[in-house]
Amino acid sequence: MKWTDSREVAIALAAAHPDEDPARMRFTDLRALVLALPGFADDPARCGEKILEAIQMAWIDETD
């Protein structure tokens, strides 16, 4: 997975952290969770606020 795979990342986050509320998560915490996902292989420096927002929104959609 890469930063741009927001839907795939969100699905993995929802499976790995079912008790987390993505709507209340800080971007710094979200970034750390994404980097810790098995199968995630992208440059940490390529991540920005826009990417994290897209992942967060996709994760919220997954939990609804």
PDB file of N, CA and C in Angstrom:
ATOM      1  N   MET A   1       0.835  -1.178   0.000  1.00  0.00           N
ATOM      2  CA  MET A   1       0.000   0.000   0.000  1.00  0.00           C
ATOM      3  C   MET A   1       0.883   1.245   0.000  1.00  0.00           C
ATOM      4  N   LYS A   2       0.330   2.279  -0.573  1.00  0.00           N
ATOM      5  CA  LYS A   2       1.005   3.574  -0.628  1.00  0.00           C
ATOM      6  C   LYS A   2       0.059   4.632  -0.071  1.00  0.00           C
ATOM      7  N   TRP A   3       0.580   5.824   0.140  1.00  0.00           N
ATOM      8  CA  TRP A   3      -0.225   6.910   0.686  1.00  0.00           C
ATOM      9  C   TRP A   3      -1.461   7.186  -0.163  1.00  0.00           C
ATOM     10  N   THR A   4      -1.344   7.033  -1.463  1.00  0.00           N
ATOM     11  CA  THR A   4      -2.455   7.355  -2.353  1.00  0.00           C
ATOM     12  C   THR A   4      -3.541   6.279  -2.380  1.00  0.00           C
ATOM     13  N   ASP A   5      -3.316   5.156  -1.739  1.00  0.00           N
ATOM     14  CA  ASP A   5      -4.312   4.073  -1.675  1.00  0.00           C
ATOM     15  C   ASP A   5      -5.227   4.291  -0.475  1.00  0.00           C
ATOM     16  N   SER A   6      -5.874   5.439  -0.427  1.00  0.00           N
ATOM     17  CA  SER A   6      -6.618   5.831   0.774  1.00  0.00           C
ATOM     18  C   SER A   6      -7.704   4.833   1.155  1.00  0.00           C
ATOM     19  N   ARG A   7      -8.423   4.306   0.202  1.00  0.00           N
ATOM     20  CA  ARG A   7      -9.497   3.348   0.519  1.00  0.00           C
ATOM     21  C   ARG A   7      -8.913   2.056   1.086  1.00  0.00           C
ATOM     22  N   GLU A   8      -7.878   1.543   0.466  1.00  0.00           N
ATOM     23  CA  GLU A   8      -7.234   0.313   0.927  1.00  0.00           C
ATOM     24  C   GLU A   8      -6.621   0.513   2.320  1.00  0.00           C
ATOM     25  N   VAL A   9      -5.994   1.643   2.532  1.00  0.00           N
ATOM     26  CA  VAL A   9      -5.414   1.962   3.836  1.00  0.00           C
ATOM     27  C   VAL A   9      -6.526   2.053   4.884  1.00  0.00           C
ATOM     28  N   ALA A  10      -7.624   2.692   4.538  1.00  0.00           N
ATOM     29  CA  ALA A  10      -8.745   2.839   5.469  1.00  0.00           C
ATOM     30  C   ALA A  10      -9.332   1.484   5.858  1.00  0.00           C
ATOM     31  N   ILE A  11      -9.449   0.590   4.906  1.00  0.00           N
ATOM     32  CA  ILE A  11      -9.967  -0.750   5.194  1.00  0.00           C
ATOM     33  C   ILE A  11      -9.029  -1.484   6.148  1.00  0.00           C
ATOM     34  N   ALA A  12      -7.733  -1.368   5.900  1.00  0.00           N
ATOM     35  CA  ALA A  12      -6.740  -2.007   6.766  1.00  0.00           C
ATOM     36  C   ALA A  12      -6.772  -1.401   8.174  1.00  0.00           C
ATOM     37  N   LEU A  13      -6.924  -0.092   8.262  1.00  0.00           N
ATOM     38  CA  LEU A  13      -6.995   0.566   9.568  1.00  0.00           C
ATOM     39  C   LEU A  13      -8.251   0.144  10.328  1.00  0.00           C
ATOM     40  N   ALA A  14      -9.372   0.071   9.641  1.00  0.00           N
ATOM     41  CA  ALA A  14     -10.625  -0.332  10.283  1.00  0.00           C
ATOM     42  C   ALA A  14     -10.519  -1.763  10.824  1.00  0.00           C
ATOM     43  N   ALA A  15      -9.846  -2.631  10.082  1.00  0.00           N
ATOM     44  CA  ALA A  15      -9.670  -4.014  10.535  1.00  0.00           C
ATOM     45  C   ALA A  15      -8.692  -4.106  11.701  1.00  0.00           C
ATOM     46  N   ALA A  16      -7.627  -3.321  11.645  1.00  0.00           N
ATOM     47  CA  ALA A  16      -6.586  -3.392  12.667  1.00  0.00           C
ATOM     48  C   ALA A  16      -6.953  -2.647  13.952  1.00  0.00           C
ATOM     49  N   HIS A  17      -7.813  -1.640  13.835  1.00  0.00           N
ATOM     50  CA  HIS A  17      -8.150  -0.796  14.988  1.00  0.00           C
ATOM     51  C   HIS A  17      -9.657  -0.563  15.062  1.00  0.00           C
ATOM     52  N   PRO A  18     -10.431  -1.635  15.304  1.00  0.00           N
ATOM     53  CA  PRO A  18     -11.896  -1.500  15.281  1.00  0.00           C
ATOM     54  C   PRO A  18     -12.463  -0.609  16.385  1.00  0.00           C
ATOM     55  N   ASP A  19     -11.714  -0.394  17.453  1.00  0.00           N
ATOM     56  CA  ASP A  19     -12.217   0.419  18.558  1.00  0.00           C
ATOM     57  C   ASP A  19     -11.826   1.896  18.467  1.00  0.00           C
ATOM     58  N   GLU A  20     -11.041   2.246  17.470  1.00  0.00           N
ATOM     59  CA  GLU A  20     -10.629   3.644  17.286  1.00  0.00           C
ATOM     60  C   GLU A  20     -11.732   4.442  16.584  1.00  0.00           C
ATOM     61  N   ASP A  21     -11.870   5.684  16.967  1.00  0.00           N
ATOM     62  CA  ASP A  21     -12.811   6.601  16.305  1.00  0.00           C
ATOM     63  C   ASP A  21     -11.999   7.499  15.374  1.00  0.00           C
ATOM     64  N   PRO A  22     -12.037   7.232  14.070  1.00  0.00           N
ATOM     65  CA  PRO A  22     -11.215   8.022  13.146  1.00  0.00           C
ATOM     66  C   PRO A  22     -11.600   9.497  13.110  1.00  0.00           C
ATOM     67  N   ALA A  23     -12.828   9.828  13.451  1.00  0.00           N
ATOM     68  CA  ALA A  23     -13.261  11.227  13.426  1.00  0.00           C
ATOM     69  C   ALA A  23     -12.580  12.047  14.524  1.00  0.00           C
ATOM     70  N   ARG A  24     -12.097  11.392  15.572  1.00  0.00           N
ATOM     71  CA  ARG A  24     -11.469  12.092  16.692  1.00  0.00           C
ATOM     72  C   ARG A  24      -9.947  11.953  16.697  1.00  0.00           C
ATOM     73  N   MET A  25      -9.408  11.355  15.655  1.00  0.00           N
ATOM     74  CA  MET A  25      -7.975  11.067  15.623  1.00  0.00           C
ATOM     75  C   MET A  25      -7.176  12.252  15.092  1.00  0.00           C
ATOM     76  N   ARG A  26      -6.080  12.543  15.775  1.00  0.00           N
ATOM     77  CA  ARG A  26      -5.161  13.577  15.292  1.00  0.00           C
ATOM     78  C   ARG A  26      -4.366  13.007  14.118  1.00  0.00           C
ATOM     79  N   PHE A  27      -3.971  13.887  13.214  1.00  0.00           N
ATOM     80  CA  PHE A  27      -3.230  13.445  12.032  1.00  0.00           C
ATOM     81  C   PHE A  27      -1.888  12.810  12.399  1.00  0.00           C
ATOM     82  N   THR A  28      -1.261  13.270  13.462  1.00  0.00           N
ATOM     83  CA  THR A  28       0.015  12.669  13.868  1.00  0.00           C
ATOM     84  C   THR A  28      -0.183  11.219  14.290  1.00  0.00           C
ATOM     85  N   ASP A  29      -1.283  10.949  14.990  1.00  0.00           N
ATOM     86  CA  ASP A  29      -1.580   9.573  15.402  1.00  0.00           C
ATOM     87  C   ASP A  29      -1.980   8.716  14.199  1.00  0.00           C
ATOM     88  N   LEU A  30      -2.775   9.290  13.316  1.00  0.00           N
ATOM     89  CA  LEU A  30      -3.191   8.582  12.111  1.00  0.00           C
ATOM     90  C   LEU A  30      -1.981   8.202  11.266  1.00  0.00           C
ATOM     91  N   ARG A  31      -1.071   9.125  11.104  1.00  0.00           N
ATOM     92  CA  ARG A  31       0.146   8.871  10.327  1.00  0.00           C
ATOM     93  C   ARG A  31       0.924   7.705  10.922  1.00  0.00           C
ATOM     94  N   ALA A  32       1.052   7.674  12.236  1.00  0.00           N
ATOM     95  CA  ALA A  32       1.785   6.594  12.905  1.00  0.00           C
ATOM     96  C   ALA A  32       1.091   5.253  12.700  1.00  0.00           C
ATOM     97  N   LEU A  33      -0.233   5.233  12.756  1.00  0.00           N
ATOM     98  CA  LEU A  33      -0.974   3.983  12.546  1.00  0.00           C
ATOM     99  C   LEU A  33      -0.797   3.474  11.121  1.00  0.00           C
ATOM    100  N   VAL A  34      -0.838   4.389  10.162  1.00  0.00           N
ATOM    101  CA  VAL A  34      -0.658   3.992   8.761  1.00  0.00           C
ATOM    102  C   VAL A  34       0.739   3.418   8.553  1.00  0.00           C
ATOM    103  N   LEU A  35       1.750   4.090   9.075  1.00  0.00           N
ATOM    104  CA  LEU A  35       3.125   3.621   8.906  1.00  0.00           C
ATOM    105  C   LEU A  35       3.338   2.245   9.536  1.00  0.00           C
ATOM    106  N   ALA A  36       2.567   1.911  10.562  1.00  0.00           N
ATOM    107  CA  ALA A  36       2.708   0.629  11.253  1.00  0.00           C
ATOM    108  C   ALA A  36       1.925  -0.502  10.591  1.00  0.00           C
ATOM    109  N   LEU A  37       1.105  -0.185   9.597  1.00  0.00           N
ATOM    110  CA  LEU A  37       0.310  -1.230   8.948  1.00  0.00           C
ATOM    111  C   LEU A  37       1.195  -2.233   8.203  1.00  0.00           C
ATOM    112  N   PRO A  38       0.907  -3.530   8.366  1.00  0.00           N
ATOM    113  CA  PRO A  38       1.614  -4.513   7.550  1.00  0.00           C
ATOM    114  C   PRO A  38       1.257  -4.291   6.080  1.00  0.00           C
ATOM    115  N   GLY A  39       2.218  -4.344   5.240  1.00  0.00           N
ATOM    116  CA  GLY A  39       1.963  -4.145   3.816  1.00  0.00           C
ATOM    117  C   GLY A  39       2.060  -2.705   3.364  1.00  0.00           C
ATOM    118  N   PHE A  40       2.237  -1.779   4.302  1.00  0.00           N
ATOM    119  CA  PHE A  40       2.395  -0.388   3.904  1.00  0.00           C
ATOM    120  C   PHE A  40       3.857  -0.150   3.570  1.00  0.00           C
ATOM    121  N   ALA A  41       4.102   0.330   2.368  1.00  0.00           N
ATOM    122  CA  ALA A  41       5.482   0.538   1.921  1.00  0.00           C
ATOM    123  C   ALA A  41       5.566   1.793   1.062  1.00  0.00           C
ATOM    124  N   ASP A  42       5.645   2.923   1.730  1.00  0.00           N
ATOM    125  CA  ASP A  42       5.805   4.185   1.010  1.00  0.00           C
ATOM    126  C   ASP A  42       6.690   5.093   1.857  1.00  0.00           C
ATOM    127  N   ASP A  43       7.213   6.090   1.236  1.00  0.00           N
ATOM    128  CA  ASP A  43       8.114   7.039   1.890  1.00  0.00           C
ATOM    129  C   ASP A  43       7.322   7.885   2.887  1.00  0.00           C
ATOM    130  N   PRO A  44       7.686   7.859   4.162  1.00  0.00           N
ATOM    131  CA  PRO A  44       6.969   8.673   5.142  1.00  0.00           C
ATOM    132  C   PRO A  44       6.975  10.165   4.812  1.00  0.00           C
ATOM    133  N   ALA A  45       7.966  10.628   4.114  1.00  0.00           N
ATOM    134  CA  ALA A  45       8.062  12.042   3.763  1.00  0.00           C
ATOM    135  C   ALA A  45       7.044  12.450   2.695  1.00  0.00           C
ATOM    136  N   ARG A  46       6.450  11.499   2.019  1.00  0.00           N
ATOM    137  CA  ARG A  46       5.484  11.820   0.955  1.00  0.00           C
ATOM    138  C   ARG A  46       4.083  12.072   1.485  1.00  0.00           C
ATOM    139  N   CYS A  47       3.935  12.021   2.782  1.00  0.00           N
ATOM    140  CA  CYS A  47       2.626  12.185   3.402  1.00  0.00           C
ATOM    141  C   CYS A  47       2.395  13.644   3.768  1.00  0.00           C
ATOM    142  N   GLY A  48       1.196  14.116   3.480  1.00  0.00           N
ATOM    143  CA  GLY A  48       0.816  15.477   3.840  1.00  0.00           C
ATOM    144  C   GLY A  48      -0.584  15.506   4.420  1.00  0.00           C
ATOM    145  N   GLU A  49      -1.013  16.676   4.812  1.00  0.00           N
ATOM    146  CA  GLU A  49      -2.325  16.837   5.436  1.00  0.00           C
ATOM    147  C   GLU A  49      -3.464  16.381   4.524  1.00  0.00           C
ATOM    148  N   LYS A  50      -3.348  16.678   3.242  1.00  0.00           N
ATOM    149  CA  LYS A  50      -4.394  16.308   2.288  1.00  0.00           C
ATOM    150  C   LYS A  50      -4.549  14.783   2.193  1.00  0.00           C
ATOM    151  N   ILE A  51      -3.438  14.084   2.176  1.00  0.00           N
ATOM    152  CA  ILE A  51      -3.457  12.620   2.109  1.00  0.00           C
ATOM    153  C   ILE A  51      -4.060  12.043   3.382  1.00  0.00           C
ATOM    154  N   LEU A  52      -3.638  12.564   4.527  1.00  0.00           N
ATOM    155  CA  LEU A  52      -4.175  12.066   5.795  1.00  0.00           C
ATOM    156  C   LEU A  52      -5.669  12.347   5.905  1.00  0.00           C
ATOM    157  N   GLU A  53      -6.098  13.478   5.407  1.00  0.00           N
ATOM    158  CA  GLU A  53      -7.526  13.801   5.421  1.00  0.00           C
ATOM    159  C   GLU A  53      -8.308  12.814   4.562  1.00  0.00           C
ATOM    160  N   ALA A  54      -7.775  12.463   3.399  1.00  0.00           N
ATOM    161  CA  ALA A  54      -8.442  11.501   2.520  1.00  0.00           C
ATOM    162  C   ALA A  54      -8.532  10.125   3.188  1.00  0.00           C
ATOM    163  N   ILE A  55      -7.460   9.720   3.852  1.00  0.00           N
ATOM    164  CA  ILE A  55      -7.468   8.433   4.561  1.00  0.00           C
ATOM    165  C   ILE A  55      -8.479   8.471   5.705  1.00  0.00           C
ATOM    166  N   GLN A  56      -8.484   9.573   6.456  1.00  0.00           N
ATOM    167  CA  GLN A  56      -9.416   9.710   7.575  1.00  0.00           C
ATOM    168  C   GLN A  56     -10.868   9.650   7.090  1.00  0.00           C
ATOM    169  N   MET A  57     -11.181  10.350   6.013  1.00  0.00           N
ATOM    170  CA  MET A  57     -12.546  10.345   5.482  1.00  0.00           C
ATOM    171  C   MET A  57     -12.948   8.945   5.002  1.00  0.00           C
ATOM    172  N   ALA A  58     -12.035   8.258   4.352  1.00  0.00           N
ATOM    173  CA  ALA A  58     -12.317   6.895   3.889  1.00  0.00           C
ATOM    174  C   ALA A  58     -12.530   5.956   5.074  1.00  0.00           C
ATOM    175  N   TRP A  59     -11.747   6.135   6.132  1.00  0.00           N
ATOM    176  CA  TRP A  59     -11.897   5.309   7.329  1.00  0.00           C
ATOM    177  C   TRP A  59     -13.244   5.578   7.997  1.00  0.00           C
ATOM    178  N   ILE A  60     -13.640   6.835   8.066  1.00  0.00           N
ATOM    179  CA  ILE A  60     -14.965   7.181   8.623  1.00  0.00           C
ATOM    180  C   ILE A  60     -16.050   6.505   7.808  1.00  0.00           C
ATOM    181  N   ASP A  61     -15.935   6.522   6.492  1.00  0.00           N
ATOM    182  CA  ASP A  61     -16.900   5.852   5.625  1.00  0.00           C
ATOM    183  C   ASP A  61     -16.956   4.355   5.907  1.00  0.00           C
ATOM    184  N   GLU A  62     -15.797   3.752   6.170  1.00  0.00           N
ATOM    185  CA  GLU A  62     -15.729   2.316   6.458  1.00  0.00           C
ATOM    186  C   GLU A  62     -16.439   1.969   7.772  1.00  0.00           C
ATOM    187  N   THR A  63     -16.402   2.869   8.731  1.00  0.00           N
ATOM    188  CA  THR A  63     -17.012   2.587  10.031  1.00  0.00           C
ATOM    189  C   THR A  63     -18.504   2.860  10.050  1.00  0.00           C
ATOM    190  N   ASP A  64     -19.014   3.570   9.070  1.00  0.00           N
ATOM    191  CA  ASP A  64     -20.466   3.872   9.017  1.00  0.00           C
ATOM    192  C   ASP A  64     -21.274   2.717   8.504  1.00  0.00           C
TER     193      ASP A  64
END
